[in-house]
């Protein structure tokens, strides 16, 4: 097989892997009934006028399944962190004892679970669209190579078969991630 087809496939695989990574990150930020620090991955705090990721400002502990303790590294950021948590779309009501911010996650209502499942399905669809878009670009590249005579028809169709297999593999991973997230959201 010609290097150009190999290159197209390699590049496509790298981009598809990236789409799967983004989906994983998006899913981890969707809250379930269980406490985990990944829920705060996308949260930023106004830290002395600069939007700063919460991860850089505090450590997290989960002493119980639905409790998270947020320990600010700088006590001066306590109020800003509490405000960011309260205003986030996580639906939490933080309390602060001067040392740590305690968050007790409310049980998810049936309606909230359905909302989160909808969000997860939406994120999964975005990831699938990204993967398909990568496939389309790679296929156009392969078609061009065949048209320009850089590679033969057989090589072109072999490359396309490999591209299809690659696409299917990545879409299956996304579907599997979604299935797991839905199961997580449905467990009470």
C-alpha atoms as a PDB file:
ATOM      1  CA  UNK A   1       0.000   0.000   0.000  1.00  0.00           C
ATOM      2  CA  UNK A   2       1.284   3.445  -0.912  1.00  0.00           C
ATOM      3  CA  UNK A   3       2.548   5.784   1.819  1.00  0.00           C
ATOM      4  CA  UNK A   4      -0.094   8.382   0.992  1.00  0.00           C
ATOM      5  CA  UNK A   5      -2.953   6.033   1.817  1.00  0.00           C
ATOM      6  CA  UNK A   6      -1.117   4.969   4.983  1.00  0.00           C
ATOM      7  CA  UNK A   7      -0.688   8.644   5.849  1.00  0.00           C
ATOM      8  CA  UNK A   8      -4.363   9.402   5.257  1.00  0.00           C
ATOM      9  CA  UNK A   9      -5.397   6.473   7.450  1.00  0.00           C
ATOM     10  CA  UNK A  10      -2.908   7.364  10.171  1.00  0.00           C
ATOM     11  CA  UNK A  11      -4.045  10.977  10.242  1.00  0.00           C
ATOM     12  CA  UNK A  12      -7.704   9.931  10.217  1.00  0.00           C
ATOM     13  CA  UNK A  13      -7.127   7.567  13.134  1.00  0.00           C
ATOM     14  CA  UNK A  14      -5.396  10.279  15.168  1.00  0.00           C
ATOM     15  CA  UNK A  15      -8.280  12.697  14.608  1.00  0.00           C
ATOM     16  CA  UNK A  16     -10.893  10.039  15.377  1.00  0.00           C
ATOM     17  CA  UNK A  17      -9.037   9.178  18.602  1.00  0.00           C
ATOM     18  CA  UNK A  18      -9.215  12.861  19.518  1.00  0.00           C
ATOM     19  CA  UNK A  19     -13.012  12.879  18.947  1.00  0.00           C
ATOM     20  CA  UNK A  20     -13.333   9.887  21.298  1.00  0.00           C
ATOM     21  CA  UNK A  21     -11.183  11.664  23.926  1.00  0.00           C
ATOM     22  CA  UNK A  22     -13.399  14.759  23.741  1.00  0.00           C
ATOM     23  CA  UNK A  23     -16.480  12.543  24.193  1.00  0.00           C
ATOM     24  CA  UNK A  24     -14.880  10.914  27.268  1.00  0.00           C
ATOM     25  CA  UNK A  25     -14.172  14.338  28.780  1.00  0.00           C
ATOM     26  CA  UNK A  26     -17.683  15.561  27.995  1.00  0.00           C
ATOM     27  CA  UNK A  27     -19.212  12.462  29.593  1.00  0.00           C
ATOM     28  CA  UNK A  28     -17.090  12.751  32.730  1.00  0.00           C
ATOM     29  CA  UNK A  29     -18.368  16.300  33.238  1.00  0.00           C
ATOM     30  CA  UNK A  30     -21.998  15.108  33.219  1.00  0.00           C
ATOM     31  CA  UNK A  31     -23.034  14.605  36.803  1.00  0.00           C
ATOM     32  CA  UNK A  32     -24.343  11.271  38.011  1.00  0.00           C
ATOM     33  CA  UNK A  33     -25.685  10.438  41.460  1.00  0.00           C
ATOM     34  CA  UNK A  34     -22.127   9.596  42.497  1.00  0.00           C
ATOM     35  CA  UNK A  35     -19.534  12.193  43.522  1.00  0.00           C
ATOM     36  CA  UNK A  36     -16.338  12.476  41.460  1.00  0.00           C
ATOM     37  CA  UNK A  37     -13.818  15.246  40.870  1.00  0.00           C
ATOM     38  CA  UNK A  38     -14.238  14.997  37.072  1.00  0.00           C
ATOM     39  CA  UNK A  39     -17.610  16.752  37.457  1.00  0.00           C
ATOM     40  CA  UNK A  40     -15.648  19.962  37.949  1.00  0.00           C
ATOM     41  CA  UNK A  41     -13.349  19.566  34.904  1.00  0.00           C
ATOM     42  CA  UNK A  42     -15.050  22.294  32.932  1.00  0.00           C
ATOM     43  CA  UNK A  43     -15.609  24.671  35.857  1.00  0.00           C
ATOM     44  CA  UNK A  44     -13.670  27.936  36.022  1.00  0.00           C
ATOM     45  CA  UNK A  45     -13.429  30.326  38.959  1.00  0.00           C
ATOM     46  CA  UNK A  46     -12.901  34.074  38.833  1.00  0.00           C
ATOM     47  CA  UNK A  47      -9.576  34.014  40.711  1.00  0.00           C
ATOM     48  CA  UNK A  48      -8.417  37.596  41.301  1.00  0.00           C
ATOM     49  CA  UNK A  49      -9.927  38.671  37.984  1.00  0.00           C
ATOM     50  CA  UNK A  50      -8.598  35.726  35.938  1.00  0.00           C
ATOM     51  CA  UNK A  51     -10.854  32.808  34.912  1.00  0.00           C
ATOM     52  CA  UNK A  52      -8.957  29.819  36.358  1.00  0.00           C
ATOM     53  CA  UNK A  53      -9.844  26.092  36.183  1.00  0.00           C
ATOM     54  CA  UNK A  54     -11.104  24.904  39.574  1.00  0.00           C
ATOM     55  CA  UNK A  55      -8.655  21.948  39.405  1.00  0.00           C
ATOM     56  CA  UNK A  56      -5.760  24.406  39.751  1.00  0.00           C
ATOM     57  CA  UNK A  57      -7.234  26.057  42.830  1.00  0.00           C
ATOM     58  CA  UNK A  58      -8.283  23.163  45.046  1.00  0.00           C
ATOM     59  CA  UNK A  59      -7.994  19.474  45.856  1.00  0.00           C
ATOM     60  CA  UNK A  60     -10.988  17.149  46.055  1.00  0.00           C
ATOM     61  CA  UNK A  61     -11.930  14.310  48.382  1.00  0.00           C
ATOM     62  CA  UNK A  62     -14.972  12.067  48.253  1.00  0.00           C
ATOM     63  CA  UNK A  63     -15.507  10.713  51.784  1.00  0.00           C
ATOM     64  CA  UNK A  64     -18.921   9.290  50.803  1.00  0.00           C
ATOM     65  CA  UNK A  65     -20.663   8.351  47.561  1.00  0.00           C
ATOM     66  CA  UNK A  66     -22.581  11.655  47.349  1.00  0.00           C
ATOM     67  CA  UNK A  67     -20.254  14.015  49.233  1.00  0.00           C
ATOM     68  CA  UNK A  68     -17.312  15.965  47.872  1.00  0.00           C
ATOM     69  CA  UNK A  69     -14.937  18.101  49.901  1.00  0.00           C
ATOM     70  CA  UNK A  70     -13.263  20.910  47.995  1.00  0.00           C
ATOM     71  CA  UNK A  71     -10.097  22.108  49.743  1.00  0.00           C
ATOM     72  CA  UNK A  72      -8.867  25.442  48.302  1.00  0.00           C
ATOM     73  CA  UNK A  73      -5.074  25.814  48.203  1.00  0.00           C
ATOM     74  CA  UNK A  74      -5.532  29.520  48.921  1.00  0.00           C
ATOM     75  CA  UNK A  75      -8.124  30.337  51.597  1.00  0.00           C
ATOM     76  CA  UNK A  76      -8.601  33.725  49.880  1.00  0.00           C
ATOM     77  CA  UNK A  77     -10.247  31.962  46.938  1.00  0.00           C
ATOM     78  CA  UNK A  78     -12.885  30.263  49.116  1.00  0.00           C
ATOM     79  CA  UNK A  79     -15.725  32.716  48.347  1.00  0.00           C
ATOM     80  CA  UNK A  80     -14.972  32.782  44.604  1.00  0.00           C
ATOM     81  CA  UNK A  81     -14.903  28.968  44.434  1.00  0.00           C
ATOM     82  CA  UNK A  82     -18.147  28.691  46.394  1.00  0.00           C
ATOM     83  CA  UNK A  83     -19.784  31.232  44.070  1.00  0.00           C
ATOM     84  CA  UNK A  84     -18.605  29.368  40.930  1.00  0.00           C
ATOM     85  CA  UNK A  85     -19.961  26.076  42.317  1.00  0.00           C
ATOM     86  CA  UNK A  86     -23.307  27.631  43.267  1.00  0.00           C
ATOM     87  CA  UNK A  87     -23.705  29.256  39.818  1.00  0.00           C
ATOM     88  CA  UNK A  88     -22.593  26.183  37.855  1.00  0.00           C
ATOM     89  CA  UNK A  89     -25.111  23.954  36.076  1.00  0.00           C
ATOM     90  CA  UNK A  90     -24.294  21.105  38.475  1.00  0.00           C
ATOM     91  CA  UNK A  91     -27.287  21.959  40.644  1.00  0.00           C
ATOM     92  CA  UNK A  92     -25.324  21.853  43.912  1.00  0.00           C
ATOM     93  CA  UNK A  93     -25.605  23.915  47.092  1.00  0.00           C
ATOM     94  CA  UNK A  94     -22.090  24.177  48.602  1.00  0.00           C
ATOM     95  CA  UNK A  95     -21.490  24.997  52.280  1.00  0.00           C
ATOM     96  CA  UNK A  96     -18.221  26.274  53.672  1.00  0.00           C
ATOM     97  CA  UNK A  97     -16.789  25.913  57.184  1.00  0.00           C
ATOM     98  CA  UNK A  98     -13.826  28.240  56.627  1.00  0.00           C
ATOM     99  CA  UNK A  99     -11.488  25.359  55.696  1.00  0.00           C
ATOM    100  CA  UNK A 100     -13.280  23.230  53.151  1.00  0.00           C
ATOM    101  CA  UNK A 101     -16.294  23.574  50.921  1.00  0.00           C
ATOM    102  CA  UNK A 102     -18.653  20.642  51.382  1.00  0.00           C
ATOM    103  CA  UNK A 103     -20.949  19.592  48.577  1.00  0.00           C
ATOM    104  CA  UNK A 104     -23.644  17.017  49.186  1.00  0.00           C
ATOM    105  CA  UNK A 105     -25.040  15.954  45.852  1.00  0.00           C
ATOM    106  CA  UNK A 106     -28.814  15.761  45.846  1.00  0.00           C
ATOM    107  CA  UNK A 107     -30.365  12.528  44.628  1.00  0.00           C
ATOM    108  CA  UNK A 108     -30.997  12.932  40.930  1.00  0.00           C
ATOM    109  CA  UNK A 109     -34.662  13.276  40.116  1.00  0.00           C
ATOM    110  CA  UNK A 110     -36.080  11.213  37.280  1.00  0.00           C
ATOM    111  CA  UNK A 111     -36.414  14.396  35.224  1.00  0.00           C
ATOM    112  CA  UNK A 112     -32.798  15.429  35.899  1.00  0.00           C
ATOM    113  CA  UNK A 113     -31.584  11.949  34.883  1.00  0.00           C
ATOM    114  CA  UNK A 114     -33.497  12.231  31.611  1.00  0.00           C
ATOM    115  CA  UNK A 115     -31.988  15.690  30.999  1.00  0.00           C
ATOM    116  CA  UNK A 116     -28.479  14.345  31.594  1.00  0.00           C
ATOM    117  CA  UNK A 117     -29.117  11.368  29.319  1.00  0.00           C
ATOM    118  CA  UNK A 118     -30.271  13.794  26.618  1.00  0.00           C
ATOM    119  CA  UNK A 119     -27.066  15.809  27.091  1.00  0.00           C
ATOM    120  CA  UNK A 120     -24.971  12.627  26.915  1.00  0.00           C
ATOM    121  CA  UNK A 121     -26.704  11.513  23.709  1.00  0.00           C
ATOM    122  CA  UNK A 122     -26.114  14.954  22.239  1.00  0.00           C
ATOM    123  CA  UNK A 123     -22.378  14.809  23.115  1.00  0.00           C
ATOM    124  CA  UNK A 124     -22.176  11.316  21.605  1.00  0.00           C
ATOM    125  CA  UNK A 125     -23.803  12.537  18.403  1.00  0.00           C
ATOM    126  CA  UNK A 126     -21.299  15.413  18.178  1.00  0.00           C
ATOM    127  CA  UNK A 127     -18.463  12.898  18.546  1.00  0.00           C
ATOM    128  CA  UNK A 128     -19.951  10.638  15.842  1.00  0.00           C
ATOM    129  CA  UNK A 129     -20.335  13.632  13.506  1.00  0.00           C
ATOM    130  CA  UNK A 130     -16.662  14.515  14.114  1.00  0.00           C
ATOM    131  CA  UNK A 131     -15.586  10.959  13.297  1.00  0.00           C
ATOM    132  CA  UNK A 132     -17.686  10.917  10.114  1.00  0.00           C
ATOM    133  CA  UNK A 133     -16.306  14.286   9.081  1.00  0.00           C
ATOM    134  CA  UNK A 134     -12.763  12.915   9.460  1.00  0.00           C
ATOM    135  CA  UNK A 135     -13.792   9.900   7.363  1.00  0.00           C
ATOM    136  CA  UNK A 136     -15.209  12.135   4.624  1.00  0.00           C
ATOM    137  CA  UNK A 137     -12.001  14.203   4.413  1.00  0.00           C
ATOM    138  CA  UNK A 138      -9.804  11.088   4.324  1.00  0.00           C
ATOM    139  CA  UNK A 139     -11.999   9.547   1.619  1.00  0.00           C
ATOM    140  CA  UNK A 140     -11.795  12.727  -0.477  1.00  0.00           C
ATOM    141  CA  UNK A 141      -8.004  12.590  -0.117  1.00  0.00           C
ATOM    142  CA  UNK A 142      -7.925   8.942  -1.248  1.00  0.00           C
ATOM    143  CA  UNK A 143     -10.231   9.675  -4.202  1.00  0.00           C
ATOM    144  CA  UNK A 144      -7.910  12.497  -5.224  1.00  0.00           C
ATOM    145  CA  UNK A 145      -4.863  10.179  -5.077  1.00  0.00           C
ATOM    146  CA  UNK A 146      -6.644   7.680  -7.338  1.00  0.00           C
ATOM    147  CA  UNK A 147      -7.798  10.415  -9.732  1.00  0.00           C
ATOM    148  CA  UNK A 148      -4.308  11.913  -9.951  1.00  0.00           C
ATOM    149  CA  UNK A 149      -2.907   8.469 -10.703  1.00  0.00           C
ATOM    150  CA  UNK A 150      -0.715   8.436  -7.565  1.00  0.00           C
ATOM    151  CA  UNK A 151      -2.278   5.131  -6.558  1.00  0.00           C
ATOM    152  CA  UNK A 152      -4.265   2.440  -8.352  1.00  0.00           C
ATOM    153  CA  UNK A 153      -8.008   1.751  -8.057  1.00  0.00           C
ATOM    154  CA  UNK A 154      -7.355  -1.430  -6.021  1.00  0.00           C
ATOM    155  CA  UNK A 155      -5.217   0.405  -3.494  1.00  0.00           C
ATOM    156  CA  UNK A 156      -7.864   3.106  -3.307  1.00  0.00           C
ATOM    157  CA  UNK A 157     -10.651   0.657  -2.532  1.00  0.00           C
ATOM    158  CA  UNK A 158      -8.446  -1.229  -0.032  1.00  0.00           C
ATOM    159  CA  UNK A 159      -7.730   2.087   1.680  1.00  0.00           C
ATOM    160  CA  UNK A 160     -11.448   2.882   1.757  1.00  0.00           C
ATOM    161  CA  UNK A 161     -12.218  -0.488   3.355  1.00  0.00           C
ATOM    162  CA  UNK A 162      -9.615   0.210   6.047  1.00  0.00           C
ATOM    163  CA  UNK A 163     -11.082   3.681   6.542  1.00  0.00           C
ATOM    164  CA  UNK A 164     -14.574   2.209   6.979  1.00  0.00           C
ATOM    165  CA  UNK A 165     -13.258  -0.274   9.568  1.00  0.00           C
ATOM    166  CA  UNK A 166     -11.515   2.557  11.409  1.00  0.00           C
ATOM    167  CA  UNK A 167     -14.693   4.655  11.381  1.00  0.00           C
ATOM    168  CA  UNK A 168     -16.814   1.758  12.656  1.00  0.00           C
ATOM    169  CA  UNK A 169     -14.325   1.020  15.445  1.00  0.00           C
ATOM    170  CA  UNK A 170     -14.430   4.625  16.708  1.00  0.00           C
ATOM    171  CA  UNK A 171     -18.218   4.984  16.427  1.00  0.00           C
ATOM    172  CA  UNK A 172     -18.574   1.703  18.372  1.00  0.00           C
ATOM    173  CA  UNK A 173     -16.326   3.068  21.144  1.00  0.00           C
ATOM    174  CA  UNK A 174     -18.464   6.230  21.343  1.00  0.00           C
ATOM    175  CA  UNK A 175     -21.674   4.165  21.451  1.00  0.00           C
ATOM    176  CA  UNK A 176     -20.179   2.006  24.206  1.00  0.00           C
ATOM    177  CA  UNK A 177     -19.156   5.076  26.246  1.00  0.00           C
ATOM    178  CA  UNK A 178     -22.690   6.436  25.861  1.00  0.00           C
ATOM    179  CA  UNK A 179     -24.233   3.115  26.933  1.00  0.00           C
ATOM    180  CA  UNK A 180     -22.066   3.098  30.078  1.00  0.00           C
ATOM    181  CA  UNK A 181     -22.894   6.731  30.886  1.00  0.00           C
ATOM    182  CA  UNK A 182     -26.620   6.055  30.481  1.00  0.00           C
ATOM    183  CA  UNK A 183     -26.383   3.029  32.782  1.00  0.00           C
ATOM    184  CA  UNK A 184     -24.494   5.146  35.330  1.00  0.00           C
ATOM    185  CA  UNK A 185     -27.182   7.838  35.155  1.00  0.00           C
ATOM    186  CA  UNK A 186     -29.974   5.309  35.598  1.00  0.00           C
ATOM    187  CA  UNK A 187     -28.538   3.541  38.640  1.00  0.00           C
ATOM    188  CA  UNK A 188     -30.104   4.884  41.801  1.00  0.00           C
END
